[in-house]
């Protein structure tokens, strides 16, 4: 099964983030784009990470049937990704936040209108978060939030998606975490409007694969 190669938090490019609650460093990691990276539960059992981003939901919006692409780990259309439910619960038992990452290096996603964004938010809430659905791709486990890794498909209506997701969480009395992986340099062409909502709890800047900003040739000037 072909898989997108893009991962803003590549396994070899961990980004440290300061946790205001614990006043300590927390590491976030993408999981799902390398079939040889080990199981999700094994990843969390190392206790190296504070956040795991399940990468990626590569198809959504414009009336398309959403598709979860987790490389060689499972096959969403066949229903085999439901086996990850116990792994997700294991991660959460270690106080690790597990988020679903939207987008990645794929041409299969974009939002056509505010109503389209609201429809995608409803799908995410019912299928992965606190809502209920007869079809939950990752089984009964409830994820902690949604990560925006948008590198294609324009910038419109991701602010509506973020607001609608936050509203679902507020209405349910549940803390729903939102994170994003904007490009450096900033502002990011795809995520600036969404970030301007002020709703995001965590932001992972992509210095990675951005020549104007990345460390290269022994120089940290950028």
Protein backbone atom coordinates (compact mmCIF):
# COMPACT_ATOMS: atom_id res chain seq x y z
CA UNK A 1 0.00 0.00 0.00
CA UNK A 2 1.55 3.28 -1.08
CA UNK A 3 1.93 5.88 1.64
CA UNK A 4 2.70 9.60 1.71
CA UNK A 5 6.32 10.34 2.55
CA UNK A 6 5.68 13.67 4.27
CA UNK A 7 5.72 13.81 8.05
CA UNK A 8 6.21 17.17 9.76
CA UNK A 9 7.53 15.42 12.86
CA UNK A 10 9.62 12.76 11.16
CA UNK A 11 10.78 9.96 13.42
CA UNK A 12 14.33 11.25 13.19
CA UNK A 13 13.32 14.90 13.57
CA UNK A 14 11.61 15.18 16.94
CA UNK A 15 10.41 18.59 17.99
CA UNK A 16 10.53 19.58 21.64
CA UNK A 17 7.67 21.57 23.05
CA UNK A 18 7.32 23.19 26.43
CA UNK A 19 4.31 21.99 28.36
CA UNK A 20 2.88 24.86 30.41
CA UNK A 21 1.05 22.45 32.68
CA UNK A 22 4.07 20.40 33.67
CA UNK A 23 6.79 22.98 32.95
CA UNK A 24 8.74 20.19 31.29
CA UNK A 25 9.76 19.18 27.80
CA UNK A 26 7.40 16.93 25.88
CA UNK A 27 8.25 15.24 22.59
CA UNK A 28 5.72 14.76 19.81
CA UNK A 29 6.11 12.08 17.18
CA UNK A 30 4.31 11.05 14.01
CA UNK A 31 3.33 7.40 13.87
CA UNK A 32 1.84 5.55 10.93
CA UNK A 33 3.93 6.25 7.85
CA UNK A 34 6.56 3.53 8.23
CA UNK A 35 5.51 -0.11 8.51
CA UNK A 36 8.86 -0.91 10.15
CA UNK A 37 8.56 1.62 12.98
CA UNK A 38 7.08 -0.84 15.48
CA UNK A 39 3.61 -0.99 16.97
CA UNK A 40 1.81 1.98 18.41
CA UNK A 41 1.77 0.41 21.87
CA UNK A 42 5.52 -0.26 21.70
CA UNK A 43 6.11 3.36 20.69
CA UNK A 44 4.18 4.62 23.68
CA UNK A 45 5.69 2.06 26.06
CA UNK A 46 9.08 3.74 25.63
CA UNK A 47 7.57 6.70 27.53
CA UNK A 48 9.69 8.99 25.37
CA UNK A 49 6.74 10.93 24.02
CA UNK A 50 4.03 13.20 25.33
CA UNK A 51 2.08 13.24 22.07
CA UNK A 52 1.58 10.74 19.25
CA UNK A 53 0.12 11.96 15.95
CA UNK A 54 -1.58 9.18 13.98
CA UNK A 55 -0.58 10.09 10.42
CA UNK A 56 -2.58 10.66 8.24
CA UNK A 57 -6.23 11.06 7.25
CA UNK A 58 -5.22 11.69 3.64
CA UNK A 59 -8.63 12.01 1.96
CA UNK A 60 -11.45 14.25 3.16
CA UNK A 61 -13.65 17.14 2.09
CA UNK A 62 -15.67 17.94 -1.06
CA UNK A 63 -17.97 14.98 -0.45
CA UNK A 64 -15.16 12.43 -0.74
CA UNK A 65 -15.20 9.31 1.38
CA UNK A 66 -12.51 9.90 4.05
CA UNK A 67 -9.50 7.58 3.93
CA UNK A 68 -7.08 6.87 6.76
CA UNK A 69 -3.61 5.91 5.50
CA UNK A 70 -1.39 4.28 8.12
CA UNK A 71 1.03 2.69 5.66
CA UNK A 72 1.71 -0.97 6.43
CA UNK A 73 0.11 -0.99 9.87
CA UNK A 74 -3.50 -1.55 8.80
CA UNK A 75 -5.90 -1.03 5.91
CA UNK A 76 -8.76 1.36 6.63
CA UNK A 77 -11.11 0.27 3.78
CA UNK A 78 -10.87 -3.34 4.99
CA UNK A 79 -11.64 -2.37 8.58
CA UNK A 80 -8.37 -3.68 10.02
CA UNK A 81 -7.44 -0.38 11.73
CA UNK A 82 -9.97 -1.08 14.47
CA UNK A 83 -7.30 -3.34 15.99
CA UNK A 84 -5.45 -0.17 17.05
CA UNK A 85 -8.06 0.66 19.67
CA UNK A 86 -6.28 -1.27 22.41
CA UNK A 87 -2.94 0.35 21.46
CA UNK A 88 -4.50 3.81 21.71
CA UNK A 89 -5.88 3.02 25.15
CA UNK A 90 -2.44 1.73 26.17
CA UNK A 91 -0.85 5.01 25.08
CA UNK A 92 -3.42 7.02 26.98
CA UNK A 93 -2.79 4.92 30.09
CA UNK A 94 0.76 6.35 29.98
CA UNK A 95 -0.77 9.87 29.88
CA UNK A 96 0.22 10.26 26.25
CA UNK A 97 -2.14 12.34 24.12
CA UNK A 98 -3.10 10.61 20.87
CA UNK A 99 -4.26 12.85 18.03
CA UNK A 100 -5.36 12.13 14.48
CA UNK A 101 -3.31 14.09 11.93
CA UNK A 102 -5.14 15.46 8.88
CA UNK A 103 -3.50 15.97 5.50
CA UNK A 104 0.13 15.20 4.78
CA UNK A 105 1.67 15.03 1.34
CA UNK A 106 -1.48 14.06 -0.54
CA UNK A 107 -3.71 15.67 -3.15
CA UNK A 108 -6.82 13.98 -1.76
CA UNK A 109 -8.03 16.68 0.60
CA UNK A 110 -9.47 20.19 0.53
CA UNK A 111 -12.51 22.03 1.85
CA UNK A 112 -14.93 23.64 -0.58
CA UNK A 113 -17.15 25.65 1.77
CA UNK A 114 -17.99 26.38 5.38
CA UNK A 115 -20.67 23.68 5.25
CA UNK A 116 -18.11 21.23 3.87
CA UNK A 117 -15.81 22.03 6.80
CA UNK A 118 -18.68 21.46 9.23
CA UNK A 119 -19.45 18.11 7.60
CA UNK A 120 -15.81 17.03 7.99
CA UNK A 121 -15.86 18.15 11.63
CA UNK A 122 -19.01 16.09 12.23
CA UNK A 123 -17.33 13.06 10.66
CA UNK A 124 -14.23 13.48 12.82
CA UNK A 125 -16.26 13.93 16.00
CA UNK A 126 -18.45 10.90 15.37
CA UNK A 127 -15.75 8.61 13.97
CA UNK A 128 -12.68 9.35 16.11
CA UNK A 129 -13.58 11.63 19.01
CA UNK A 130 -16.39 11.80 21.56
CA UNK A 131 -19.31 11.10 19.28
CA UNK A 132 -20.80 7.81 18.20
CA UNK A 133 -20.90 6.14 14.80
CA UNK A 134 -21.62 2.67 13.47
CA UNK A 135 -18.26 2.92 11.71
CA UNK A 136 -15.26 4.02 13.77
CA UNK A 137 -12.06 3.37 11.78
CA UNK A 138 -9.91 3.04 14.91
CA UNK A 139 -12.45 1.15 16.96
CA UNK A 140 -14.07 2.34 20.17
CA UNK A 141 -11.04 4.24 21.54
CA UNK A 142 -11.62 7.98 21.81
CA UNK A 143 -8.76 10.13 20.55
CA UNK A 144 -7.63 13.25 22.39
CA UNK A 145 -7.79 15.62 19.45
CA UNK A 146 -6.97 16.57 15.89
CA UNK A 147 -3.70 17.71 14.31
CA UNK A 148 -3.67 19.88 11.17
CA UNK A 149 -0.77 18.93 8.85
CA UNK A 150 -2.09 20.79 5.82
CA UNK A 151 0.41 21.23 2.97
CA UNK A 152 -1.97 21.20 -0.02
CA UNK A 153 -5.52 21.99 -1.02
CA UNK A 154 -5.61 25.71 -0.24
CA UNK A 155 -6.20 27.56 3.02
CA UNK A 156 -9.94 28.18 3.03
CA UNK A 157 -12.28 26.96 5.76
CA UNK A 158 -9.73 25.30 8.06
CA UNK A 159 -10.64 28.04 10.53
CA UNK A 160 -14.26 26.84 10.33
CA UNK A 161 -13.10 23.25 10.83
CA UNK A 162 -11.15 24.24 13.95
CA UNK A 163 -14.01 26.27 15.41
CA UNK A 164 -16.55 23.52 14.77
CA UNK A 165 -14.35 20.87 16.36
CA UNK A 166 -13.79 23.10 19.40
CA UNK A 167 -17.55 23.64 19.65
CA UNK A 168 -18.16 19.88 19.68
CA UNK A 169 -15.73 19.49 22.54
CA UNK A 170 -17.22 22.40 24.50
CA UNK A 171 -20.77 21.13 24.05
CA UNK A 172 -19.73 17.70 25.32
CA UNK A 173 -17.78 19.16 28.25
CA UNK A 174 -14.67 17.43 26.92
CA UNK A 175 -11.23 18.92 26.37
CA UNK A 176 -10.51 18.47 22.68
CA UNK A 177 -6.89 19.24 21.78
CA UNK A 178 -6.03 20.96 18.52
CA UNK A 179 -2.53 21.10 17.12
CA UNK A 180 -1.02 22.24 13.83
CA UNK A 181 2.20 21.90 11.84
CA UNK A 182 2.68 25.18 9.95
CA UNK A 183 5.62 25.73 7.65
CA UNK A 184 8.56 27.95 8.40
CA UNK A 185 8.82 30.71 7.19
CA UNK A 186 5.70 32.06 8.83
CA UNK A 187 2.84 32.88 8.23
CA UNK A 188 1.99 29.56 6.68
CA UNK A 189 -0.05 29.84 3.46
CA UNK A 190 -2.36 26.96 4.37
CA UNK A 191 -2.80 27.32 8.13
CA UNK A 192 -2.55 31.02 8.93
CA UNK A 193 -6.33 31.60 8.99
CA UNK A 194 -6.88 28.57 11.20
CA UNK A 195 -4.13 29.55 13.64
CA UNK A 196 -5.57 33.07 13.85
CA UNK A 197 -8.60 31.59 15.65
CA UNK A 198 -6.45 31.18 18.75
CA UNK A 199 -7.93 27.73 19.35
CA UNK A 200 -4.78 25.65 18.92
CA UNK A 201 -3.16 24.17 22.01
CA UNK A 202 0.10 23.13 20.35
CA UNK A 203 1.99 24.24 17.25
CA UNK A 204 4.84 22.23 15.74
CA UNK A 205 6.83 24.46 13.36
CA UNK A 206 8.21 22.70 10.28
CA UNK A 207 11.79 23.86 10.07
CA UNK A 208 12.30 20.44 8.46
CA UNK A 209 12.48 20.55 4.63
CA UNK A 210 12.36 24.36 4.61
CA UNK A 211 15.72 25.65 3.30
CA UNK A 212 15.25 29.27 4.47
CA UNK A 213 14.87 28.07 8.06
CA UNK A 214 16.53 24.70 8.44
CA UNK A 215 19.87 23.81 9.95
CA UNK A 216 22.26 22.95 7.12
CA UNK A 217 25.95 22.49 6.37
CA UNK A 218 26.96 23.02 9.98
CA UNK A 219 25.37 26.46 10.16
CA UNK A 220 22.58 27.41 12.55
CA UNK A 221 22.18 30.93 11.16
CA UNK A 222 18.79 30.17 9.59
